[in-house]
C-alpha cells in the first residue's frame, strides 16, 4: 500500500462506527513514515479505533482526552478531561507518567512513549503533519498483538 492509499484508508476507518479490523490497521501502519521524538512534542487530542481491544473500552469510559509530550523525559500519556472541564494528567490510571524514546517496532525505529510504571509502549507514525497513528504494545500483548490502535491530532 502506498502512502496516499494508506492516508485515504486511515481517514475512512476513522469515520467507521463499527468495529475496525486490526489487519487493515496493520497494513496502514506499515505504509506510514516513522517520526522522531522532537517532531511529536506538544499537546495531542486522542481517539481510538474499536478493534474490540479492552483498552478501547477502558479509555472511552475514563474520559481520555489525549497525550502531552513536553520533552523526551516528560510525557503525559493519559490526559483526561475532568467533570469541571479541566484537563489533567491521570497518574493513578497511568501508574505514573512516561518518557519518549526511539525504539524499534516491526523492524523500524520510531518515536515511542515508554510508560514509567507499567510495561507499556506506545509507538507512533505520521499520517500527516497534524496526525499520528499510535500502536500500544507491551508485556502481555504478544509479538503480533492484539495491539490497541489509536489516533493523535495536534491540539
C-alpha atoms as a PDB file:
ATOM      1  CA  UNK A   1       0.000   0.000   0.000  1.00  0.00           C
ATOM      2  CA  UNK A   2       1.428   3.410  -0.912  1.00  0.00           C
ATOM      3  CA  UNK A   3       1.268   6.438   1.400  1.00  0.00           C
ATOM      4  CA  UNK A   4      -1.655   8.153  -0.359  1.00  0.00           C
ATOM      5  CA  UNK A   5      -3.752   4.987  -0.242  1.00  0.00           C
ATOM      6  CA  UNK A   6      -2.801   4.472   3.428  1.00  0.00           C
ATOM      7  CA  UNK A   7      -3.913   8.015   4.295  1.00  0.00           C
ATOM      8  CA  UNK A   8      -7.215   7.588   2.443  1.00  0.00           C
ATOM      9  CA  UNK A   9      -7.886   4.235   4.110  1.00  0.00           C
ATOM     10  CA  UNK A  10      -6.949   5.697   7.518  1.00  0.00           C
ATOM     11  CA  UNK A  11      -9.479   8.520   7.051  1.00  0.00           C
ATOM     12  CA  UNK A  12     -12.201   6.065   6.028  1.00  0.00           C
ATOM     13  CA  UNK A  13     -11.575   3.788   9.013  1.00  0.00           C
ATOM     14  CA  UNK A  14     -11.546   6.729  11.435  1.00  0.00           C
ATOM     15  CA  UNK A  15     -15.101   7.536  10.455  1.00  0.00           C
ATOM     16  CA  UNK A  16     -16.344   3.989  10.824  1.00  0.00           C
ATOM     17  CA  UNK A  17     -18.910   3.428  13.576  1.00  0.00           C
ATOM     18  CA  UNK A  18     -18.478  -0.358  13.525  1.00  0.00           C
ATOM     19  CA  UNK A  19     -15.506  -2.478  14.544  1.00  0.00           C
ATOM     20  CA  UNK A  20     -12.304  -1.911  12.572  1.00  0.00           C
ATOM     21  CA  UNK A  21     -10.234  -4.983  11.609  1.00  0.00           C
ATOM     22  CA  UNK A  22      -6.763  -4.844  13.169  1.00  0.00           C
ATOM     23  CA  UNK A  23      -5.277  -6.376   9.999  1.00  0.00           C
ATOM     24  CA  UNK A  24      -6.336  -3.294   7.998  1.00  0.00           C
ATOM     25  CA  UNK A  25      -4.731  -1.011  10.583  1.00  0.00           C
ATOM     26  CA  UNK A  26      -1.541  -3.082  10.365  1.00  0.00           C
ATOM     27  CA  UNK A  27      -1.423  -2.518   6.586  1.00  0.00           C
ATOM     28  CA  UNK A  28      -1.831   1.235   7.052  1.00  0.00           C
ATOM     29  CA  UNK A  29       0.811   1.285   9.802  1.00  0.00           C
ATOM     30  CA  UNK A  30       3.321  -0.435   7.506  1.00  0.00           C
ATOM     31  CA  UNK A  31       2.914   2.297   4.857  1.00  0.00           C
ATOM     32  CA  UNK A  32       3.277   5.320   7.174  1.00  0.00           C
ATOM     33  CA  UNK A  33       6.576   7.124   7.816  1.00  0.00           C
ATOM     34  CA  UNK A  34       8.311   6.930  11.170  1.00  0.00           C
ATOM     35  CA  UNK A  35       8.723  10.028  13.355  1.00  0.00           C
ATOM     36  CA  UNK A  36      11.427  11.369  15.654  1.00  0.00           C
ATOM     37  CA  UNK A  37      10.827  12.384  19.261  1.00  0.00           C
ATOM     38  CA  UNK A  38      11.422  16.083  18.596  1.00  0.00           C
ATOM     39  CA  UNK A  39       8.773  16.055  15.833  1.00  0.00           C
ATOM     40  CA  UNK A  40       5.964  14.999  18.152  1.00  0.00           C
ATOM     41  CA  UNK A  41       6.487  17.309  21.142  1.00  0.00           C
ATOM     42  CA  UNK A  42       3.336  19.190  22.135  1.00  0.00           C
ATOM     43  CA  UNK A  43      -0.279  18.553  23.094  1.00  0.00           C
ATOM     44  CA  UNK A  44      -2.350  15.929  21.282  1.00  0.00           C
ATOM     45  CA  UNK A  45      -6.039  15.063  21.328  1.00  0.00           C
ATOM     46  CA  UNK A  46      -6.703  11.345  21.061  1.00  0.00           C
ATOM     47  CA  UNK A  47      -9.281   8.859  19.889  1.00  0.00           C
ATOM     48  CA  UNK A  48      -9.182   5.129  19.392  1.00  0.00           C
ATOM     49  CA  UNK A  49     -10.051   2.542  16.798  1.00  0.00           C
ATOM     50  CA  UNK A  50     -12.549  -0.004  18.044  1.00  0.00           C
ATOM     51  CA  UNK A  51     -10.936  -3.327  17.178  1.00  0.00           C
ATOM     52  CA  UNK A  52     -12.542  -4.993  20.174  1.00  0.00           C
ATOM     53  CA  UNK A  53      -9.439  -4.449  22.316  1.00  0.00           C
ATOM     54  CA  UNK A  54     -10.333  -3.957  26.018  1.00  0.00           C
ATOM     55  CA  UNK A  55      -8.147  -0.833  26.294  1.00  0.00           C
ATOM     56  CA  UNK A  56     -10.527   0.958  23.910  1.00  0.00           C
ATOM     57  CA  UNK A  57     -13.473   0.465  26.258  1.00  0.00           C
ATOM     58  CA  UNK A  58     -11.443   1.460  29.325  1.00  0.00           C
ATOM     59  CA  UNK A  59     -10.135   4.682  27.777  1.00  0.00           C
ATOM     60  CA  UNK A  60     -13.538   5.629  26.368  1.00  0.00           C
ATOM     61  CA  UNK A  61     -15.169   5.137  29.779  1.00  0.00           C
ATOM     62  CA  UNK A  62     -12.437   7.012  31.669  1.00  0.00           C
ATOM     63  CA  UNK A  63     -12.697  10.362  29.876  1.00  0.00           C
ATOM     64  CA  UNK A  64      -9.408  10.086  27.979  1.00  0.00           C
ATOM     65  CA  UNK A  65      -8.664  13.323  26.119  1.00  0.00           C
ATOM     66  CA  UNK A  66      -5.177  12.709  24.727  1.00  0.00           C
ATOM     67  CA  UNK A  67      -1.449  12.902  25.443  1.00  0.00           C
ATOM     68  CA  UNK A  68       1.056  15.690  26.086  1.00  0.00           C
ATOM     69  CA  UNK A  69       4.755  15.445  25.260  1.00  0.00           C
ATOM     70  CA  UNK A  70       6.616  18.334  26.923  1.00  0.00           C
ATOM     71  CA  UNK A  71      10.119  16.877  26.463  1.00  0.00           C
ATOM     72  CA  UNK A  72      11.715  13.488  25.873  1.00  0.00           C
ATOM     73  CA  UNK A  73      11.769  12.900  29.620  1.00  0.00           C
ATOM     74  CA  UNK A  74       8.362  14.474  30.359  1.00  0.00           C
ATOM     75  CA  UNK A  75       5.457  12.735  28.635  1.00  0.00           C
ATOM     76  CA  UNK A  76       1.922  12.571  29.977  1.00  0.00           C
ATOM     77  CA  UNK A  77       0.186   9.511  28.492  1.00  0.00           C
ATOM     78  CA  UNK A  78      -3.265   9.891  29.995  1.00  0.00           C
ATOM     79  CA  UNK A  79      -4.602  13.412  29.761  1.00  0.00           C
ATOM     80  CA  UNK A  80      -8.196  13.341  30.972  1.00  0.00           C
ATOM     81  CA  UNK A  81     -10.997  15.870  30.982  1.00  0.00           C
ATOM     82  CA  UNK A  82     -12.390  16.202  34.486  1.00  0.00           C
ATOM     83  CA  UNK A  83     -16.017  16.812  35.391  1.00  0.00           C
ATOM     84  CA  UNK A  84     -15.140  20.510  35.755  1.00  0.00           C
ATOM     85  CA  UNK A  85     -13.904  20.561  32.138  1.00  0.00           C
ATOM     86  CA  UNK A  86     -10.232  20.942  33.055  1.00  0.00           C
ATOM     87  CA  UNK A  87      -7.534  18.730  31.602  1.00  0.00           C
ATOM     88  CA  UNK A  88      -5.244  16.805  33.949  1.00  0.00           C
ATOM     89  CA  UNK A  89      -2.682  14.001  33.829  1.00  0.00           C
ATOM     90  CA  UNK A  90      -4.142  10.852  35.405  1.00  0.00           C
ATOM     91  CA  UNK A  91      -1.033   9.430  37.056  1.00  0.00           C
ATOM     92  CA  UNK A  92      -3.099   6.934  39.052  1.00  0.00           C
ATOM     93  CA  UNK A  93      -4.589   5.230  35.996  1.00  0.00           C
ATOM     94  CA  UNK A  94      -1.307   5.522  34.102  1.00  0.00           C
ATOM     95  CA  UNK A  95       0.754   4.364  37.096  1.00  0.00           C
ATOM     96  CA  UNK A  96       2.950   7.434  36.692  1.00  0.00           C
ATOM     97  CA  UNK A  97       3.813   9.279  33.539  1.00  0.00           C
ATOM     98  CA  UNK A  98       6.242   8.419  30.719  1.00  0.00           C
ATOM     99  CA  UNK A  99       9.232   9.338  28.563  1.00  0.00           C
ATOM    100  CA  UNK A 100       9.883   9.316  24.826  1.00  0.00           C
ATOM    101  CA  UNK A 101      12.494   7.126  23.151  1.00  0.00           C
ATOM    102  CA  UNK A 102      13.438   5.982  19.671  1.00  0.00           C
ATOM    103  CA  UNK A 103      12.505   2.275  19.716  1.00  0.00           C
ATOM    104  CA  UNK A 104      12.442  -0.468  17.095  1.00  0.00           C
ATOM    105  CA  UNK A 105       8.995  -1.908  16.423  1.00  0.00           C
ATOM    106  CA  UNK A 106       8.243  -4.188  13.480  1.00  0.00           C
ATOM    107  CA  UNK A 107      11.701  -3.586  12.035  1.00  0.00           C
ATOM    108  CA  UNK A 108      11.548   0.230  12.094  1.00  0.00           C
ATOM    109  CA  UNK A 109      12.839   2.733  14.635  1.00  0.00           C
ATOM    110  CA  UNK A 110      10.218   5.341  15.538  1.00  0.00           C
ATOM    111  CA  UNK A 111       9.288   7.652  18.413  1.00  0.00           C
ATOM    112  CA  UNK A 112       7.833   5.613  21.250  1.00  0.00           C
ATOM    113  CA  UNK A 113       6.363   6.550  24.612  1.00  0.00           C
ATOM    114  CA  UNK A 114       7.579   4.296  27.436  1.00  0.00           C
ATOM    115  CA  UNK A 115       5.320   4.293  30.499  1.00  0.00           C
ATOM    116  CA  UNK A 116       7.099   4.791  33.838  1.00  0.00           C
ATOM    117  CA  UNK A 117       5.028   2.445  35.981  1.00  0.00           C
ATOM    118  CA  UNK A 118       3.874  -0.343  33.695  1.00  0.00           C
ATOM    119  CA  UNK A 119       5.315  -2.417  30.823  1.00  0.00           C
ATOM    120  CA  UNK A 120       3.554  -0.463  28.064  1.00  0.00           C
ATOM    121  CA  UNK A 121       4.927   1.220  24.939  1.00  0.00           C
ATOM    122  CA  UNK A 122       3.052   3.493  22.523  1.00  0.00           C
ATOM    123  CA  UNK A 123       4.719   3.564  19.081  1.00  0.00           C
ATOM    124  CA  UNK A 124       3.965   6.458  16.704  1.00  0.00           C
ATOM    125  CA  UNK A 125       3.990   7.083  12.956  1.00  0.00           C
ATOM    126  CA  UNK A 126       2.907  10.133  10.944  1.00  0.00           C
ATOM    127  CA  UNK A 127      -0.317  10.155   8.964  1.00  0.00           C
ATOM    128  CA  UNK A 128       0.270  13.819   8.071  1.00  0.00           C
ATOM    129  CA  UNK A 129       1.739  16.971   9.689  1.00  0.00           C
ATOM    130  CA  UNK A 130      -1.001  17.102  12.352  1.00  0.00           C
ATOM    131  CA  UNK A 131      -1.964  13.459  12.828  1.00  0.00           C
ATOM    132  CA  UNK A 132      -0.214  10.450  14.346  1.00  0.00           C
ATOM    133  CA  UNK A 133      -1.211   6.817  14.342  1.00  0.00           C
ATOM    134  CA  UNK A 134      -0.346   5.008  17.556  1.00  0.00           C
ATOM    135  CA  UNK A 135       0.044   1.349  18.418  1.00  0.00           C
ATOM    136  CA  UNK A 136       0.020   0.370  22.098  1.00  0.00           C
ATOM    137  CA  UNK A 137       2.263  -2.587  22.802  1.00  0.00           C
ATOM    138  CA  UNK A 138       3.685  -4.130  25.938  1.00  0.00           C
ATOM    139  CA  UNK A 139       4.239  -7.109  28.148  1.00  0.00           C
ATOM    140  CA  UNK A 140       1.349  -9.493  27.744  1.00  0.00           C
ATOM    141  CA  UNK A 141       0.337  -8.155  24.326  1.00  0.00           C
ATOM    142  CA  UNK A 142       2.233 -10.825  22.380  1.00  0.00           C
ATOM    143  CA  UNK A 143       4.642 -10.285  19.497  1.00  0.00           C
ATOM    144  CA  UNK A 144       1.839  -9.912  16.954  1.00  0.00           C
ATOM    145  CA  UNK A 145      -0.817  -8.426  19.224  1.00  0.00           C
ATOM    146  CA  UNK A 146      -3.588  -7.907  19.733  1.00  0.00           C
ATOM    147  CA  UNK A 147      -2.496  -4.291  19.955  1.00  0.00           C
ATOM    148  CA  UNK A 148      -4.520  -1.174  20.716  1.00  0.00           C
ATOM    149  CA  UNK A 149      -4.623   1.289  17.788  1.00  0.00           C
ATOM    150  CA  UNK A 150      -5.300   4.984  18.246  1.00  0.00           C
ATOM    151  CA  UNK A 151      -5.089   8.437  16.687  1.00  0.00           C
ATOM    152  CA  UNK A 152      -3.499  11.640  17.978  1.00  0.00           C
ATOM    153  CA  UNK A 153      -4.196  15.064  16.458  1.00  0.00           C
ATOM    154  CA  UNK A 154      -2.336  18.227  17.398  1.00  0.00           C
ATOM    155  CA  UNK A 155      -4.418  20.107  19.942  1.00  0.00           C
END
